[in-house]
Amino acid sequence: MMAVQLAKLAGARVLTTVGSDDKIPKGVILGADAVINHAREKISERVRMLTEGRGVDVVIEHIGPEVWDSCLDSLARGGRLITCGATTGADVKLNLRDLYSRQLTVKGSYMGARGELVKAAALMGQGRLVVVIDRTFPLQEARAAQELMVSRKFFGKIVLAC
């Protein structure tokens, strides 16, 4: 959700994915120009359609193996895949011929520098960047919060409050 907002603030045309149709309008509200439901559409095919066969210049990926191939397939020649998570595991396959023949870049990213945090905080203070919180649970209801997370029926962060 932050990536969608930051990319939009940078002037990018933003495509994003969601896992259910009820999340599509929420993605649009955050700034996405197009929202793809990965549960019922092949991401790379829809990306190619939306980009007239070209693909995208940048993919920000934080899921891992479950979406890895789709992310790479969605890239245009010379595109960059930025990975910053491994929710579905740590091991992925990489076709080296595809990587070098399409001149792709794969980069890992972990957190940011203090200056970037200060800039993000300023954007939040200006209301140009918003944190999306689906629900807040008291710490005693951590199990319910975990069950909600596993169900994938939320949009935004799930917060545990002390």
Foldseek 3Di string as FASTA:
>chain_A
DQVQLVCVVVPHAAEEEAQDPVCFVVSVVSPHPYYHNVNPDQQLVVLCVVVVNFADQEAEAAAAAVCVVSNLSRHGQLHEYEYEHHNPHDDHDDDVCSCVVSVYYYHYDYDDDPVVVVVVVVCVVVVSGDADEFEEAEQVVVVVLVVCVVVSPTDGHYHYDD
